[in-house]
Amino acid sequence: MTDFNVSVSPDEAIDLIDKAVINGSITGQKIDEYVSDMGNGTKLTVSVYEKHYYRAGNRLTLTVVADNLRGKTHIHVISGGGGQGLLRFDWGASGSFEDTVMDALYKYVIE
């Protein structure tokens, strides 16, 4: 789980994440997105992504919440999933999937 703030709007943040996950890999895809526009420029977006890691035999999900409810855009990232077989270790793949979001937004990160 990762939390941070960025200097771009929720829409811009999600666009950058879409490019990183979908265009940045062969197996990355957006499963669904929920957007709540609350007026006055305030928005909350929940996006769910999926990616298959062949190296580890894992299918992982990544949920990203982007909102500007408190005046700046806040990003909350959660990854989940697991491997095949009796022991379902992800061998660090979920952390790598979360890192995709930080890599896409690193130059916009603020306090």
N, C-alpha and C. Protein backbone atom coordinates (compact mmCIF):
# COMPACT_ATOMS: atom_id res chain seq x y z
N MET A 1 0.85 -1.16 0.00
CA MET A 1 0.00 0.00 0.00
C MET A 1 0.90 1.24 0.00
N THR A 2 0.55 2.21 -0.83
CA THR A 2 1.33 3.43 -0.98
C THR A 2 0.39 4.63 -1.00
N ASP A 3 0.80 5.70 -0.35
CA ASP A 3 0.05 6.95 -0.35
C ASP A 3 0.99 8.11 -0.62
N PHE A 4 0.58 9.02 -1.49
CA PHE A 4 1.36 10.24 -1.73
C PHE A 4 0.48 11.27 -2.43
N ASN A 5 0.95 12.51 -2.48
CA ASN A 5 0.24 13.61 -3.14
C ASN A 5 1.01 14.02 -4.38
N VAL A 6 0.27 14.52 -5.38
CA VAL A 6 0.89 14.98 -6.62
C VAL A 6 0.34 16.35 -7.01
N SER A 7 1.08 17.02 -7.88
CA SER A 7 0.72 18.39 -8.28
C SER A 7 -0.16 18.44 -9.54
N VAL A 8 -0.61 17.29 -10.03
CA VAL A 8 -1.50 17.25 -11.19
C VAL A 8 -2.91 16.85 -10.73
N SER A 9 -3.89 17.06 -11.58
CA SER A 9 -5.27 16.72 -11.26
C SER A 9 -5.45 15.20 -11.20
N PRO A 10 -6.54 14.74 -10.58
CA PRO A 10 -6.81 13.30 -10.60
C PRO A 10 -6.89 12.73 -12.02
N ASP A 11 -7.53 13.47 -12.94
CA ASP A 11 -7.62 13.01 -14.33
C ASP A 11 -6.24 12.86 -14.97
N GLU A 12 -5.38 13.85 -14.77
CA GLU A 12 -4.03 13.78 -15.34
C GLU A 12 -3.24 12.64 -14.72
N ALA A 13 -3.39 12.43 -13.41
CA ALA A 13 -2.67 11.34 -12.74
C ALA A 13 -3.11 10.00 -13.30
N ILE A 14 -4.41 9.80 -13.45
CA ILE A 14 -4.92 8.52 -13.98
C ILE A 14 -4.46 8.33 -15.43
N ASP A 15 -4.45 9.38 -16.23
CA ASP A 15 -3.96 9.26 -17.61
C ASP A 15 -2.50 8.80 -17.64
N LEU A 16 -1.67 9.36 -16.77
CA LEU A 16 -0.26 8.96 -16.70
C LEU A 16 -0.11 7.52 -16.24
N ILE A 17 -0.93 7.11 -15.27
CA ILE A 17 -0.90 5.73 -14.80
C ILE A 17 -1.38 4.77 -15.89
N ASP A 18 -2.46 5.15 -16.60
CA ASP A 18 -2.94 4.33 -17.72
C ASP A 18 -1.82 4.08 -18.72
N LYS A 19 -1.11 5.12 -19.10
CA LYS A 19 -0.02 4.99 -20.07
C LYS A 19 1.06 4.05 -19.55
N ALA A 20 1.39 4.17 -18.28
CA ALA A 20 2.45 3.35 -17.71
C ALA A 20 2.04 1.88 -17.62
N VAL A 21 0.81 1.61 -17.19
CA VAL A 21 0.37 0.22 -17.00
C VAL A 21 -0.01 -0.42 -18.32
N ILE A 22 -0.81 0.26 -19.12
CA ILE A 22 -1.35 -0.34 -20.34
C ILE A 22 -0.33 -0.30 -21.47
N ASN A 23 0.26 0.86 -21.72
CA ASN A 23 1.22 0.98 -22.82
C ASN A 23 2.61 0.52 -22.42
N GLY A 24 2.88 0.45 -21.11
CA GLY A 24 4.20 0.11 -20.63
C GLY A 24 4.44 -1.37 -20.46
N SER A 25 3.46 -2.21 -20.78
CA SER A 25 3.65 -3.65 -20.65
C SER A 25 2.75 -4.38 -21.64
N ILE A 26 3.07 -5.62 -21.86
CA ILE A 26 2.29 -6.43 -22.80
C ILE A 26 0.98 -6.89 -22.15
N THR A 27 1.02 -7.21 -20.86
CA THR A 27 -0.15 -7.82 -20.22
C THR A 27 -0.98 -6.86 -19.38
N GLY A 28 -0.56 -5.60 -19.23
CA GLY A 28 -1.29 -4.65 -18.39
C GLY A 28 -2.59 -4.19 -19.03
N GLN A 29 -3.66 -4.17 -18.25
CA GLN A 29 -4.94 -3.71 -18.76
C GLN A 29 -5.74 -3.05 -17.63
N LYS A 30 -6.61 -2.14 -18.02
CA LYS A 30 -7.53 -1.53 -17.06
C LYS A 30 -8.80 -2.37 -17.05
N ILE A 31 -9.18 -2.85 -15.88
CA ILE A 31 -10.36 -3.68 -15.75
C ILE A 31 -11.61 -2.82 -15.62
N ASP A 32 -11.52 -1.77 -14.79
CA ASP A 32 -12.69 -0.92 -14.57
C ASP A 32 -12.25 0.41 -13.96
N GLU A 33 -13.16 1.37 -14.04
CA GLU A 33 -12.90 2.68 -13.45
C GLU A 33 -14.23 3.25 -12.97
N TYR A 34 -14.19 3.86 -11.79
CA TYR A 34 -15.35 4.55 -11.24
C TYR A 34 -14.94 6.00 -11.00
N VAL A 35 -15.74 6.94 -11.50
CA VAL A 35 -15.44 8.36 -11.34
C VAL A 35 -16.64 9.04 -10.69
N SER A 36 -16.35 9.80 -9.63
CA SER A 36 -17.38 10.60 -8.98
C SER A 36 -16.96 12.06 -9.06
N ASP A 37 -17.67 12.83 -9.89
CA ASP A 37 -17.42 14.25 -10.04
C ASP A 37 -18.36 14.97 -9.07
N MET A 38 -17.79 15.60 -8.06
CA MET A 38 -18.57 16.21 -7.00
C MET A 38 -18.82 17.69 -7.21
N GLY A 39 -18.44 18.21 -8.37
CA GLY A 39 -18.63 19.62 -8.67
C GLY A 39 -17.50 20.48 -8.13
N ASN A 40 -17.45 21.70 -8.58
CA ASN A 40 -16.42 22.65 -8.16
C ASN A 40 -15.00 22.13 -8.37
N GLY A 41 -14.81 21.27 -9.37
CA GLY A 41 -13.47 20.74 -9.66
C GLY A 41 -13.03 19.61 -8.75
N THR A 42 -13.91 19.15 -7.86
CA THR A 42 -13.56 18.07 -6.93
C THR A 42 -13.97 16.73 -7.53
N LYS A 43 -13.04 15.78 -7.49
CA LYS A 43 -13.27 14.50 -8.15
C LYS A 43 -12.60 13.37 -7.38
N LEU A 44 -13.22 12.19 -7.45
CA LEU A 44 -12.65 10.97 -6.91
C LEU A 44 -12.72 9.90 -7.99
N THR A 45 -11.60 9.25 -8.25
CA THR A 45 -11.54 8.20 -9.26
C THR A 45 -10.94 6.94 -8.64
N VAL A 46 -11.58 5.80 -8.91
CA VAL A 46 -11.04 4.51 -8.50
C VAL A 46 -10.82 3.71 -9.78
N SER A 47 -9.57 3.32 -10.02
CA SER A 47 -9.22 2.54 -11.22
C SER A 47 -8.62 1.21 -10.79
N VAL A 48 -9.02 0.14 -11.47
CA VAL A 48 -8.50 -1.20 -11.18
C VAL A 48 -7.81 -1.72 -12.43
N TYR A 49 -6.56 -2.16 -12.23
CA TYR A 49 -5.73 -2.68 -13.31
C TYR A 49 -5.38 -4.13 -13.02
N GLU A 50 -5.01 -4.85 -14.08
CA GLU A 50 -4.56 -6.23 -13.93
C GLU A 50 -3.33 -6.44 -14.81
N LYS A 51 -2.45 -7.28 -14.34
CA LYS A 51 -1.24 -7.58 -15.10
C LYS A 51 -0.80 -9.00 -14.77
N HIS A 52 -0.29 -9.70 -15.77
CA HIS A 52 0.24 -11.04 -15.57
C HIS A 52 1.76 -10.97 -15.58
N TYR A 53 2.37 -11.50 -14.54
CA TYR A 53 3.83 -11.58 -14.45
C TYR A 53 4.24 -13.01 -14.77
N TYR A 54 4.73 -13.22 -15.99
CA TYR A 54 5.11 -14.56 -16.42
C TYR A 54 6.25 -15.12 -15.59
N ARG A 55 7.20 -14.28 -15.25
CA ARG A 55 8.39 -14.71 -14.50
C ARG A 55 7.99 -15.41 -13.20
N ALA A 56 7.03 -14.85 -12.50
CA ALA A 56 6.62 -15.40 -11.21
C ALA A 56 5.34 -16.22 -11.30
N GLY A 57 4.71 -16.26 -12.48
CA GLY A 57 3.45 -16.99 -12.64
C GLY A 57 2.31 -16.36 -11.86
N ASN A 58 2.29 -15.04 -11.80
CA ASN A 58 1.29 -14.32 -11.02
C ASN A 58 0.36 -13.50 -11.88
N ARG A 59 -0.88 -13.40 -11.45
CA ARG A 59 -1.82 -12.45 -12.00
C ARG A 59 -2.15 -11.50 -10.86
N LEU A 60 -1.83 -10.23 -11.05
CA LEU A 60 -1.98 -9.26 -9.99
C LEU A 60 -2.98 -8.18 -10.35
N THR A 61 -3.58 -7.60 -9.33
CA THR A 61 -4.43 -6.44 -9.52
C THR A 61 -3.80 -5.24 -8.83
N LEU A 62 -4.13 -4.09 -9.36
CA LEU A 62 -3.66 -2.83 -8.80
C LEU A 62 -4.86 -1.90 -8.74
N THR A 63 -5.17 -1.42 -7.55
CA THR A 63 -6.27 -0.48 -7.37
C THR A 63 -5.68 0.87 -7.03
N VAL A 64 -6.08 1.90 -7.79
CA VAL A 64 -5.58 3.25 -7.58
C VAL A 64 -6.75 4.17 -7.31
N VAL A 65 -6.68 4.87 -6.17
CA VAL A 65 -7.68 5.89 -5.83
C VAL A 65 -6.99 7.24 -6.00
N ALA A 66 -7.57 8.10 -6.82
CA ALA A 66 -7.05 9.46 -7.02
C ALA A 66 -8.16 10.43 -6.69
N ASP A 67 -7.90 11.34 -5.74
CA ASP A 67 -8.92 12.32 -5.39
C ASP A 67 -8.27 13.65 -5.05
N ASN A 68 -9.04 14.71 -5.17
CA ASN A 68 -8.59 16.03 -4.73
C ASN A 68 -9.59 16.62 -3.73
N LEU A 69 -10.07 15.78 -2.84
CA LEU A 69 -11.09 16.16 -1.86
C LEU A 69 -10.56 17.15 -0.83
N ARG A 70 -9.24 17.16 -0.62
CA ARG A 70 -8.65 18.05 0.39
C ARG A 70 -7.82 19.16 -0.25
N GLY A 71 -8.08 19.48 -1.51
CA GLY A 71 -7.41 20.59 -2.15
C GLY A 71 -6.21 20.23 -3.00
N LYS A 72 -5.58 19.08 -2.74
CA LYS A 72 -4.50 18.61 -3.59
C LYS A 72 -4.79 17.16 -3.96
N THR A 73 -4.19 16.71 -5.03
CA THR A 73 -4.48 15.36 -5.50
C THR A 73 -3.73 14.34 -4.65
N HIS A 74 -4.50 13.44 -4.07
CA HIS A 74 -3.96 12.36 -3.25
C HIS A 74 -4.09 11.05 -4.03
N ILE A 75 -3.04 10.24 -4.00
CA ILE A 75 -3.00 8.95 -4.68
C ILE A 75 -2.85 7.86 -3.63
N HIS A 76 -3.72 6.87 -3.68
CA HIS A 76 -3.65 5.71 -2.79
C HIS A 76 -3.59 4.47 -3.69
N VAL A 77 -2.58 3.62 -3.47
CA VAL A 77 -2.33 2.47 -4.34
C VAL A 77 -2.32 1.19 -3.51
N ILE A 78 -3.07 0.17 -3.98
CA ILE A 78 -3.11 -1.13 -3.33
C ILE A 78 -2.92 -2.20 -4.40
N SER A 79 -2.02 -3.13 -4.15
CA SER A 79 -1.85 -4.24 -5.09
C SER A 79 -2.22 -5.55 -4.40
N GLY A 80 -2.67 -6.51 -5.19
CA GLY A 80 -3.05 -7.81 -4.64
C GLY A 80 -2.99 -8.87 -5.71
N GLY A 81 -3.12 -10.08 -5.28
CA GLY A 81 -3.07 -11.21 -6.20
C GLY A 81 -2.13 -12.26 -5.65
N GLY A 82 -1.74 -13.17 -6.48
CA GLY A 82 -0.83 -14.21 -6.01
C GLY A 82 -0.42 -15.13 -7.11
N GLY A 83 0.41 -16.07 -6.74
CA GLY A 83 0.98 -17.01 -7.71
C GLY A 83 0.17 -18.27 -7.83
N GLN A 84 0.76 -19.21 -8.54
CA GLN A 84 0.12 -20.49 -8.76
C GLN A 84 0.59 -21.49 -7.72
N GLY A 85 -0.15 -22.56 -7.56
CA GLY A 85 0.27 -23.63 -6.68
C GLY A 85 -0.18 -23.45 -5.25
N LEU A 86 0.30 -24.34 -4.39
CA LEU A 86 -0.10 -24.36 -2.99
C LEU A 86 0.38 -23.13 -2.25
N LEU A 87 1.62 -22.72 -2.46
CA LEU A 87 2.17 -21.53 -1.82
C LEU A 87 2.05 -20.37 -2.79
N ARG A 88 1.23 -19.41 -2.46
CA ARG A 88 0.91 -18.32 -3.40
C ARG A 88 1.74 -17.07 -3.09
N PHE A 89 3.05 -17.18 -3.24
CA PHE A 89 3.92 -16.03 -3.08
C PHE A 89 3.96 -15.23 -4.37
N ASP A 90 4.08 -13.92 -4.25
CA ASP A 90 4.16 -13.12 -5.47
C ASP A 90 5.61 -12.76 -5.82
N TRP A 91 6.58 -13.15 -4.99
CA TRP A 91 7.99 -12.94 -5.25
C TRP A 91 8.31 -11.48 -5.55
N GLY A 92 7.60 -10.56 -4.90
CA GLY A 92 7.87 -9.13 -5.07
C GLY A 92 7.15 -8.48 -6.24
N ALA A 93 6.37 -9.25 -6.98
CA ALA A 93 5.69 -8.70 -8.16
C ALA A 93 4.67 -7.64 -7.79
N SER A 94 3.97 -7.78 -6.65
CA SER A 94 2.96 -6.77 -6.28
C SER A 94 3.64 -5.45 -5.98
N GLY A 95 4.79 -5.49 -5.32
CA GLY A 95 5.55 -4.26 -5.07
C GLY A 95 6.01 -3.62 -6.36
N SER A 96 6.42 -4.43 -7.30
CA SER A 96 6.84 -3.94 -8.60
C SER A 96 5.68 -3.28 -9.34
N PHE A 97 4.49 -3.86 -9.23
CA PHE A 97 3.31 -3.30 -9.87
C PHE A 97 2.98 -1.94 -9.24
N GLU A 98 3.06 -1.84 -7.91
CA GLU A 98 2.84 -0.56 -7.24
C GLU A 98 3.87 0.47 -7.69
N ASP A 99 5.11 0.04 -7.87
CA ASP A 99 6.18 0.95 -8.30
C ASP A 99 5.89 1.58 -9.66
N THR A 100 5.10 0.90 -10.49
CA THR A 100 4.73 1.45 -11.79
C THR A 100 4.01 2.78 -11.63
N VAL A 101 3.17 2.89 -10.61
CA VAL A 101 2.43 4.12 -10.35
C VAL A 101 3.39 5.22 -9.92
N MET A 102 4.27 4.91 -8.97
CA MET A 102 5.23 5.91 -8.51
C MET A 102 6.15 6.36 -9.64
N ASP A 103 6.58 5.42 -10.47
CA ASP A 103 7.43 5.76 -11.61
C ASP A 103 6.72 6.70 -12.58
N ALA A 104 5.41 6.48 -12.77
CA ALA A 104 4.64 7.32 -13.69
C ALA A 104 4.45 8.73 -13.16
N LEU A 105 4.44 8.88 -11.84
CA LEU A 105 4.10 10.18 -11.23
C LEU A 105 5.24 10.82 -10.45
N TYR A 106 6.42 10.23 -10.44
CA TYR A 106 7.50 10.68 -9.55
C TYR A 106 7.83 12.16 -9.69
N LYS A 107 7.79 12.71 -10.90
CA LYS A 107 8.16 14.13 -11.03
C LYS A 107 7.07 15.09 -10.58
N TYR A 108 5.91 14.57 -10.23
CA TYR A 108 4.81 15.41 -9.75
C TYR A 108 4.55 15.24 -8.25
N VAL A 109 5.32 14.41 -7.57
CA VAL A 109 5.10 14.14 -6.14
C VAL A 109 5.40 15.40 -5.32
N ILE A 110 4.48 15.70 -4.40
CA ILE A 110 4.63 16.84 -3.47
C ILE A 110 4.34 16.33 -2.06
N GLU A 111 4.56 17.18 -1.07
CA GLU A 111 4.24 16.80 0.32
C GLU A 111 2.76 16.86 0.58
